């Protein structure tokens, strides 16, 4: 395995997570200012980003060893499928809840950040 391949995947996921957080903050600001339509547009942007996660990470995942690649691909596909479902349903609630477990508390990592941490531990970084 190329430790570099795993590190590149982690970096890609960190950038994706940062973009998700930026979009969520933008949406929260829009909602606070009374912009329900702008809020929903931000949620759709977040869901589209996550819906493409597995496909956009595929080149990096392919470079991982098979035993790791299969698990990573499956996990990223779960993120993407949830987001695709939220988009298909057009559910603002579902889009808001993407990446957050039912019992999530403010300040705790979301599911993507928790997964990134798992990968960091695996990489030993």
N, C-alpha and C. Protein backbone atom coordinates (compact mmCIF):
# COMPACT_ATOMS: atom_id res chain seq x y z
N UNK A 1 0.84 -1.18 0.00
CA UNK A 1 0.00 0.00 0.00
C UNK A 1 0.88 1.23 0.00
N UNK A 2 0.40 2.18 -0.68
CA UNK A 2 1.06 3.47 -0.63
C UNK A 2 0.41 4.27 0.50
N UNK A 3 1.22 4.53 1.54
CA UNK A 3 0.71 5.38 2.61
C UNK A 3 0.31 6.72 2.04
N UNK A 4 0.98 7.10 0.98
CA UNK A 4 0.67 8.35 0.30
C UNK A 4 -0.76 8.34 -0.25
N UNK A 5 -1.20 7.20 -0.78
CA UNK A 5 -2.55 7.09 -1.33
C UNK A 5 -3.60 7.33 -0.24
N UNK A 6 -3.39 6.74 0.92
CA UNK A 6 -4.32 6.93 2.02
C UNK A 6 -4.29 8.38 2.49
N UNK A 7 -3.11 8.95 2.57
CA UNK A 7 -3.00 10.34 3.00
C UNK A 7 -3.68 11.28 2.00
N UNK A 8 -3.54 10.99 0.72
CA UNK A 8 -4.21 11.81 -0.30
C UNK A 8 -5.72 11.71 -0.17
N UNK A 9 -6.22 10.52 0.13
CA UNK A 9 -7.66 10.34 0.33
C UNK A 9 -8.11 11.13 1.55
N UNK A 10 -7.36 11.04 2.63
CA UNK A 10 -7.69 11.78 3.85
C UNK A 10 -7.74 13.28 3.56
N UNK A 11 -6.75 13.78 2.84
CA UNK A 11 -6.71 15.20 2.48
C UNK A 11 -7.93 15.59 1.65
N UNK A 12 -8.28 14.76 0.69
CA UNK A 12 -9.47 15.01 -0.14
C UNK A 12 -10.73 15.07 0.73
N UNK A 13 -10.86 14.13 1.65
CA UNK A 13 -12.03 14.10 2.52
C UNK A 13 -12.05 15.29 3.47
N UNK A 14 -10.87 15.70 3.94
CA UNK A 14 -10.80 16.89 4.80
C UNK A 14 -11.28 18.13 4.04
N UNK A 15 -10.88 18.25 2.79
CA UNK A 15 -11.32 19.39 1.98
C UNK A 15 -12.83 19.33 1.75
N UNK A 16 -13.34 18.14 1.51
CA UNK A 16 -14.78 17.98 1.32
C UNK A 16 -15.53 18.36 2.59
N UNK A 17 -15.03 17.90 3.73
CA UNK A 17 -15.65 18.21 5.01
C UNK A 17 -15.65 19.73 5.26
N UNK A 18 -14.54 20.38 4.96
CA UNK A 18 -14.45 21.82 5.14
C UNK A 18 -15.46 22.54 4.25
N UNK A 19 -15.62 22.06 3.03
CA UNK A 19 -16.58 22.66 2.11
C UNK A 19 -18.01 22.46 2.62
N UNK A 20 -18.30 21.27 3.15
CA UNK A 20 -19.62 21.01 3.72
C UNK A 20 -19.89 21.99 4.85
N UNK A 21 -18.92 22.18 5.72
CA UNK A 21 -19.09 23.10 6.86
C UNK A 21 -19.28 24.53 6.38
N UNK A 22 -18.55 24.93 5.35
CA UNK A 22 -18.71 26.27 4.80
C UNK A 22 -20.13 26.47 4.25
N UNK A 23 -20.61 25.47 3.54
CA UNK A 23 -21.96 25.54 2.97
C UNK A 23 -23.01 25.57 4.09
N UNK A 24 -22.81 24.76 5.12
CA UNK A 24 -23.76 24.75 6.24
C UNK A 24 -23.80 26.11 6.93
N UNK A 25 -22.64 26.71 7.13
CA UNK A 25 -22.57 28.03 7.76
C UNK A 25 -23.27 29.07 6.90
N UNK A 26 -23.03 29.00 5.60
CA UNK A 26 -23.69 29.91 4.67
C UNK A 26 -25.21 29.74 4.76
N UNK A 27 -25.66 28.50 4.84
CA UNK A 27 -27.09 28.22 4.95
C UNK A 27 -27.68 28.72 6.25
N UNK A 28 -26.96 28.53 7.34
CA UNK A 28 -27.45 29.01 8.64
C UNK A 28 -27.57 30.53 8.65
N UNK A 29 -26.60 31.19 8.03
CA UNK A 29 -26.64 32.66 7.94
C UNK A 29 -27.85 33.09 7.12
N UNK A 30 -28.08 32.42 6.00
CA UNK A 30 -29.22 32.76 5.15
C UNK A 30 -30.54 32.56 5.90
N UNK A 31 -30.64 31.47 6.64
CA UNK A 31 -31.86 31.18 7.39
C UNK A 31 -32.08 32.23 8.48
N UNK A 32 -31.01 32.61 9.18
CA UNK A 32 -31.11 33.62 10.23
C UNK A 32 -31.57 34.97 9.68
N UNK A 33 -31.26 35.20 8.42
CA UNK A 33 -31.66 36.46 7.77
C UNK A 33 -33.02 36.33 7.09
N UNK A 34 -33.70 35.20 7.32
CA UNK A 34 -35.04 35.00 6.77
C UNK A 34 -35.06 34.46 5.36
N UNK A 35 -33.94 33.97 4.88
CA UNK A 35 -33.86 33.48 3.51
C UNK A 35 -34.07 31.97 3.41
N UNK A 36 -35.31 31.53 3.51
CA UNK A 36 -35.62 30.10 3.43
C UNK A 36 -35.18 29.50 2.09
N UNK A 37 -35.39 30.25 1.01
CA UNK A 37 -35.01 29.75 -0.32
C UNK A 37 -33.49 29.61 -0.42
N UNK A 38 -32.76 30.59 0.09
CA UNK A 38 -31.30 30.52 0.06
C UNK A 38 -30.80 29.39 0.96
N UNK A 39 -31.47 29.18 2.08
CA UNK A 39 -31.12 28.09 2.99
C UNK A 39 -31.28 26.76 2.27
N UNK A 40 -32.41 26.57 1.61
CA UNK A 40 -32.65 25.33 0.89
C UNK A 40 -31.64 25.14 -0.24
N UNK A 41 -31.27 26.21 -0.91
CA UNK A 41 -30.27 26.12 -1.98
C UNK A 41 -28.93 25.65 -1.41
N UNK A 42 -28.58 26.12 -0.23
CA UNK A 42 -27.33 25.67 0.42
C UNK A 42 -27.41 24.19 0.77
N UNK A 43 -28.56 23.76 1.27
CA UNK A 43 -28.71 22.35 1.61
C UNK A 43 -28.61 21.47 0.37
N UNK A 44 -29.17 21.92 -0.72
CA UNK A 44 -29.07 21.17 -1.97
C UNK A 44 -27.63 21.11 -2.45
N UNK A 45 -26.90 22.21 -2.29
CA UNK A 45 -25.48 22.24 -2.67
C UNK A 45 -24.70 21.23 -1.82
N UNK A 46 -24.97 21.20 -0.52
CA UNK A 46 -24.33 20.24 0.39
C UNK A 46 -24.65 18.81 -0.05
N UNK A 47 -25.92 18.54 -0.32
CA UNK A 47 -26.33 17.19 -0.71
C UNK A 47 -25.69 16.78 -2.04
N UNK A 48 -25.60 17.70 -2.98
CA UNK A 48 -24.97 17.38 -4.28
C UNK A 48 -23.49 17.08 -4.10
N UNK A 49 -22.83 17.84 -3.25
CA UNK A 49 -21.42 17.58 -2.96
C UNK A 49 -21.24 16.18 -2.39
N UNK A 50 -22.09 15.83 -1.43
CA UNK A 50 -21.99 14.51 -0.81
C UNK A 50 -22.45 13.39 -1.75
N UNK A 51 -23.42 13.67 -2.59
CA UNK A 51 -23.90 12.66 -3.55
C UNK A 51 -22.78 12.25 -4.50
N UNK A 52 -21.87 13.17 -4.81
CA UNK A 52 -20.76 12.87 -5.71
C UNK A 52 -19.50 12.40 -5.01
N UNK A 53 -19.57 12.26 -3.69
CA UNK A 53 -18.37 11.94 -2.92
C UNK A 53 -17.71 10.64 -3.37
N UNK A 54 -18.46 9.57 -3.45
CA UNK A 54 -17.87 8.27 -3.82
C UNK A 54 -17.25 8.32 -5.21
N UNK A 55 -17.96 8.91 -6.15
CA UNK A 55 -17.45 8.99 -7.52
C UNK A 55 -16.21 9.89 -7.60
N UNK A 56 -16.25 11.01 -6.90
CA UNK A 56 -15.13 11.94 -6.95
C UNK A 56 -13.89 11.42 -6.24
N UNK A 57 -14.07 10.51 -5.32
CA UNK A 57 -12.93 9.93 -4.58
C UNK A 57 -12.43 8.64 -5.22
N UNK A 58 -13.11 8.16 -6.24
CA UNK A 58 -12.83 6.83 -6.79
C UNK A 58 -11.37 6.64 -7.20
N UNK A 59 -10.79 7.61 -7.86
CA UNK A 59 -9.40 7.49 -8.33
C UNK A 59 -8.47 7.28 -7.13
N UNK A 60 -8.74 7.97 -6.04
CA UNK A 60 -7.92 7.81 -4.84
C UNK A 60 -8.16 6.47 -4.17
N UNK A 61 -9.41 6.05 -4.12
CA UNK A 61 -9.76 4.77 -3.50
C UNK A 61 -9.13 3.61 -4.25
N UNK A 62 -9.10 3.69 -5.58
CA UNK A 62 -8.52 2.63 -6.41
C UNK A 62 -7.04 2.39 -6.09
N UNK A 63 -6.36 3.39 -5.58
CA UNK A 63 -4.94 3.26 -5.29
C UNK A 63 -4.67 2.59 -3.94
N UNK A 64 -5.72 2.39 -3.15
CA UNK A 64 -5.57 1.73 -1.85
C UNK A 64 -5.52 0.22 -2.04
N UNK A 65 -4.95 -0.52 -1.08
CA UNK A 65 -4.98 -1.98 -1.17
C UNK A 65 -6.43 -2.47 -1.14
N UNK A 66 -6.68 -3.60 -1.81
CA UNK A 66 -8.04 -4.10 -1.95
C UNK A 66 -8.79 -4.24 -0.64
N UNK A 67 -8.12 -4.74 0.40
CA UNK A 67 -8.83 -4.95 1.67
C UNK A 67 -9.30 -3.63 2.27
N UNK A 68 -8.55 -2.57 2.09
CA UNK A 68 -8.94 -1.25 2.59
C UNK A 68 -9.87 -0.56 1.60
N UNK A 69 -9.57 -0.68 0.32
CA UNK A 69 -10.36 0.00 -0.71
C UNK A 69 -11.82 -0.41 -0.68
N UNK A 70 -12.08 -1.69 -0.48
CA UNK A 70 -13.47 -2.17 -0.46
C UNK A 70 -14.27 -1.52 0.65
N UNK A 71 -13.69 -1.46 1.84
CA UNK A 71 -14.37 -0.84 2.97
C UNK A 71 -14.57 0.65 2.79
N UNK A 72 -13.54 1.33 2.29
CA UNK A 72 -13.62 2.77 2.06
C UNK A 72 -14.66 3.06 1.00
N UNK A 73 -14.62 2.32 -0.09
CA UNK A 73 -15.59 2.53 -1.17
C UNK A 73 -17.01 2.35 -0.64
N UNK A 74 -17.21 1.33 0.16
CA UNK A 74 -18.54 1.08 0.72
C UNK A 74 -19.01 2.21 1.61
N UNK A 75 -18.12 2.70 2.43
CA UNK A 75 -18.48 3.78 3.36
C UNK A 75 -18.78 5.07 2.60
N UNK A 76 -17.96 5.40 1.62
CA UNK A 76 -18.20 6.61 0.83
C UNK A 76 -19.50 6.49 0.03
N UNK A 77 -19.77 5.28 -0.43
CA UNK A 77 -21.01 5.05 -1.17
C UNK A 77 -22.23 5.26 -0.26
N UNK A 78 -22.11 4.90 1.01
CA UNK A 78 -23.21 5.14 1.95
C UNK A 78 -23.49 6.64 2.08
N UNK A 79 -22.43 7.43 2.22
CA UNK A 79 -22.60 8.88 2.29
C UNK A 79 -23.29 9.39 1.02
N UNK A 80 -22.82 8.92 -0.13
CA UNK A 80 -23.37 9.37 -1.41
C UNK A 80 -24.82 8.94 -1.60
N UNK A 81 -25.12 7.72 -1.22
CA UNK A 81 -26.50 7.23 -1.40
C UNK A 81 -27.48 8.00 -0.52
N UNK A 82 -27.09 8.29 0.71
CA UNK A 82 -27.97 9.07 1.60
C UNK A 82 -28.25 10.45 1.00
N UNK A 83 -27.20 11.07 0.51
CA UNK A 83 -27.36 12.41 -0.09
C UNK A 83 -28.21 12.34 -1.35
N UNK A 84 -28.01 11.33 -2.16
CA UNK A 84 -28.82 11.17 -3.38
C UNK A 84 -30.29 10.98 -3.03
N UNK A 85 -30.55 10.21 -1.99
CA UNK A 85 -31.93 9.99 -1.54
C UNK A 85 -32.54 11.30 -1.06
N UNK A 86 -31.79 12.08 -0.30
CA UNK A 86 -32.29 13.37 0.19
C UNK A 86 -32.64 14.28 -0.99
N UNK A 87 -31.79 14.29 -1.99
CA UNK A 87 -32.06 15.12 -3.18
C UNK A 87 -33.29 14.63 -3.92
N UNK A 88 -33.37 13.32 -4.09
CA UNK A 88 -34.51 12.75 -4.82
C UNK A 88 -35.82 13.09 -4.11
N UNK A 89 -35.81 13.02 -2.77
CA UNK A 89 -37.02 13.32 -2.00
C UNK A 89 -37.27 14.83 -1.89
N UNK A 90 -36.21 15.61 -2.09
CA UNK A 90 -36.34 17.06 -1.93
C UNK A 90 -36.61 17.45 -0.49
N UNK A 91 -36.17 16.62 0.45
CA UNK A 91 -36.45 16.84 1.86
C UNK A 91 -35.41 17.74 2.51
N UNK A 92 -35.85 18.94 2.91
CA UNK A 92 -34.97 19.88 3.60
C UNK A 92 -34.48 19.25 4.90
N UNK A 93 -35.38 18.59 5.62
CA UNK A 93 -34.99 17.95 6.88
C UNK A 93 -33.90 16.91 6.64
N UNK A 94 -34.10 16.05 5.65
CA UNK A 94 -33.13 14.99 5.35
C UNK A 94 -31.79 15.61 4.96
N UNK A 95 -31.82 16.67 4.14
CA UNK A 95 -30.57 17.31 3.72
C UNK A 95 -29.85 17.94 4.91
N UNK A 96 -30.62 18.52 5.83
CA UNK A 96 -30.03 19.11 7.02
C UNK A 96 -29.35 18.03 7.87
N UNK A 97 -29.98 16.87 7.96
CA UNK A 97 -29.49 15.79 8.82
C UNK A 97 -28.34 14.98 8.21
N UNK A 98 -28.04 15.20 6.93
CA UNK A 98 -26.95 14.45 6.31
C UNK A 98 -25.67 14.60 7.13
N UNK A 99 -25.01 13.50 7.42
CA UNK A 99 -23.76 13.40 8.17
C UNK A 99 -23.93 13.47 9.68
N UNK A 100 -25.15 13.69 10.15
CA UNK A 100 -25.34 13.82 11.58
C UNK A 100 -26.17 12.67 12.13
N UNK A 101 -25.61 11.92 13.10
CA UNK A 101 -26.39 10.84 13.70
C UNK A 101 -27.56 11.43 14.51
N UNK A 102 -28.55 10.62 14.75
CA UNK A 102 -29.75 11.06 15.45
C UNK A 102 -29.44 11.70 16.80
N UNK A 103 -28.44 11.17 17.50
CA UNK A 103 -28.11 11.66 18.84
C UNK A 103 -26.95 12.65 18.84
N UNK A 104 -26.70 13.31 17.72
CA UNK A 104 -25.58 14.25 17.59
C UNK A 104 -25.76 15.44 18.51
N UNK A 105 -24.67 15.82 19.14
CA UNK A 105 -24.66 17.00 20.01
C UNK A 105 -23.69 18.04 19.42
N UNK A 106 -24.02 19.29 19.59
CA UNK A 106 -23.17 20.37 19.09
C UNK A 106 -21.75 20.19 19.61
N UNK A 107 -20.79 20.39 18.72
CA UNK A 107 -19.39 20.26 19.10
C UNK A 107 -18.81 18.88 18.84
N UNK A 108 -19.67 17.89 18.66
CA UNK A 108 -19.19 16.54 18.32
C UNK A 108 -18.94 16.46 16.82
N UNK A 109 -18.02 15.59 16.42
CA UNK A 109 -17.77 15.46 14.97
C UNK A 109 -18.98 14.84 14.27
N UNK A 110 -19.18 15.24 13.02
CA UNK A 110 -20.22 14.59 12.23
C UNK A 110 -19.67 13.25 11.72
N UNK A 111 -20.49 12.50 11.01
CA UNK A 111 -20.07 11.16 10.57
C UNK A 111 -18.88 11.19 9.62
N UNK A 112 -18.81 12.19 8.76
CA UNK A 112 -17.66 12.28 7.85
C UNK A 112 -16.39 12.57 8.62
N UNK A 113 -16.46 13.50 9.55
CA UNK A 113 -15.27 13.81 10.35
C UNK A 113 -14.83 12.62 11.19
N UNK A 114 -15.79 11.88 11.73
CA UNK A 114 -15.46 10.69 12.51
C UNK A 114 -14.78 9.64 11.62
N UNK A 115 -15.26 9.52 10.38
CA UNK A 115 -14.64 8.57 9.46
C UNK A 115 -13.23 9.01 9.07
N UNK A 116 -13.05 10.30 8.86
CA UNK A 116 -11.71 10.82 8.56
C UNK A 116 -10.76 10.48 9.70
N UNK A 117 -11.23 10.62 10.92
CA UNK A 117 -10.39 10.30 12.09
C UNK A 117 -10.04 8.80 12.10
N UNK A 118 -10.99 7.95 11.75
CA UNK A 118 -10.71 6.51 11.65
C UNK A 118 -9.60 6.26 10.63
N UNK A 119 -9.68 6.93 9.49
CA UNK A 119 -8.66 6.76 8.45
C UNK A 119 -7.30 7.30 8.91
N UNK A 120 -7.31 8.42 9.64
CA UNK A 120 -6.06 8.95 10.19
C UNK A 120 -5.40 7.93 11.13
N UNK A 121 -6.21 7.32 11.97
CA UNK A 121 -5.67 6.30 12.88
C UNK A 121 -5.10 5.14 12.10
N UNK A 122 -5.79 4.76 11.06
CA UNK A 122 -5.33 3.66 10.20
C UNK A 122 -4.00 4.02 9.55
N UNK A 123 -3.87 5.29 9.17
CA UNK A 123 -2.64 5.75 8.52
C UNK A 123 -1.52 5.99 9.52
N UNK A 124 -1.89 6.07 10.80
CA UNK A 124 -0.88 6.30 11.82
C UNK A 124 -0.41 7.74 11.86
N UNK A 125 -1.27 8.64 11.37
CA UNK A 125 -0.86 10.06 11.36
C UNK A 125 -1.61 10.86 12.38
